[in-house]
Amino acid sequence: MSVIVIDDRGRIVIPSKLRKRLKLKRGDAFIIAELKDDLIVLKRVDVEKMLRDIAEEVAKAGLEIREIERGIEEEANRLAKEKIRN
């Protein structure tokens, strides 16, 4: 276990031994989640794989991207109107 410090720009350096063991490299993407109190978790995500998986599921379902975009836009507009009313 290592003690690390946040720098003046809010960055945290992951110790090199851990980066090597986990095969982390520059540009890797992470999701950060606050679990409770002082506990946070970093989860590495492969954005390209996630997009490929989504595209594959869309193709399997026989959906059209334009149709999905239209549905998202309609839902966003509905939510915006609802929020304005409240």
Protein backbone atom coordinates (compact mmCIF):
# COMPACT_ATOMS: atom_id res chain seq x y z
CA MET A 1 0.00 0.00 0.00
CA SER A 2 1.27 3.49 -0.85
CA VAL A 3 0.33 6.91 0.45
CA ILE A 4 -0.16 9.33 -2.41
CA VAL A 5 -0.87 13.06 -2.45
CA ILE A 6 -3.12 15.13 -4.70
CA ASP A 7 -1.14 17.88 -6.43
CA ASP A 8 -2.23 21.51 -6.85
CA ARG A 9 -4.10 20.62 -10.08
CA GLY A 10 -6.07 17.81 -8.42
CA ARG A 11 -4.04 14.99 -9.97
CA ILE A 12 -3.11 11.73 -8.29
CA VAL A 13 -0.07 9.74 -9.37
CA ILE A 14 -0.49 5.98 -9.38
CA PRO A 15 2.78 4.43 -8.16
CA SER A 16 4.90 2.92 -10.97
CA LYS A 17 4.93 -0.61 -9.49
CA LEU A 18 1.13 -0.65 -9.53
CA ARG A 19 0.97 0.86 -13.05
CA LYS A 20 3.33 -1.85 -14.32
CA ARG A 21 1.51 -4.68 -12.54
CA LEU A 22 -1.85 -3.53 -13.93
CA LYS A 23 -0.34 -2.67 -17.34
CA LEU A 24 -1.71 0.86 -17.15
CA LYS A 25 -0.63 3.27 -19.83
CA ARG A 26 -1.06 6.91 -20.74
CA GLY A 27 -4.55 7.58 -22.05
CA ASP A 28 -6.27 4.71 -20.21
CA ALA A 29 -9.80 5.73 -19.18
CA PHE A 30 -11.31 5.20 -15.74
CA ILE A 31 -14.63 5.62 -14.03
CA ILE A 32 -14.41 7.02 -10.51
CA ALA A 33 -17.13 6.26 -7.98
CA GLU A 34 -17.61 7.44 -4.43
CA LEU A 35 -18.86 4.50 -2.40
CA LYS A 36 -19.21 6.12 1.00
CA ASP A 37 -17.47 8.59 3.26
CA ASP A 38 -13.79 8.59 2.26
CA LEU A 39 -13.90 5.53 -0.02
CA ILE A 40 -13.53 5.96 -3.78
CA VAL A 41 -13.00 3.34 -6.46
CA LEU A 42 -11.33 3.65 -9.86
CA LYS A 43 -12.45 1.21 -12.56
CA ARG A 44 -10.55 1.05 -15.83
CA VAL A 45 -12.81 1.10 -18.87
CA ASP A 46 -12.01 0.26 -22.47
CA VAL A 47 -14.05 2.89 -24.30
CA GLU A 48 -13.33 1.45 -27.76
CA LYS A 49 -14.47 -2.03 -26.66
CA MET A 50 -17.56 -0.53 -25.07
CA LEU A 51 -18.45 1.23 -28.35
CA ARG A 52 -17.83 -1.95 -30.37
CA ASP A 53 -20.07 -3.90 -27.99
CA ILE A 54 -22.83 -1.29 -28.29
CA ALA A 55 -22.57 -1.29 -32.10
CA GLU A 56 -22.75 -5.09 -32.10
CA GLU A 57 -25.86 -5.11 -29.89
CA VAL A 58 -27.51 -2.44 -32.06
CA ALA A 59 -26.79 -4.51 -35.19
CA LYS A 60 -28.10 -7.72 -33.55
CA ALA A 61 -31.30 -5.96 -32.55
CA GLY A 62 -31.73 -4.64 -36.09
CA LEU A 63 -31.97 -1.07 -34.87
CA GLU A 64 -31.11 1.96 -36.93
CA ILE A 65 -28.75 4.53 -35.40
CA ARG A 66 -30.96 7.40 -36.68
CA GLU A 67 -33.95 5.82 -34.93
CA ILE A 68 -32.01 5.60 -31.66
CA GLU A 69 -30.81 9.22 -32.01
CA ARG A 70 -34.37 10.35 -32.64
CA GLY A 71 -35.61 8.48 -29.57
CA ILE A 72 -32.88 9.97 -27.39
CA GLU A 73 -33.62 13.47 -28.66
CA GLU A 74 -37.36 13.05 -28.04
CA GLU A 75 -36.74 11.78 -24.51
CA ALA A 76 -34.29 14.64 -23.79
CA ASN A 77 -36.85 17.18 -25.02
CA ARG A 78 -39.58 15.58 -22.90
CA LEU A 79 -37.38 15.69 -19.80
CA ALA A 80 -36.38 19.30 -20.48
CA LYS A 81 -40.02 20.39 -20.83
CA GLU A 82 -40.91 18.51 -17.66
CA LYS A 83 -38.07 20.19 -15.77
CA ILE A 84 -39.14 23.67 -17.01
CA ARG A 85 -42.70 23.06 -15.77
CA ASN A 86 -41.48 22.11 -12.30
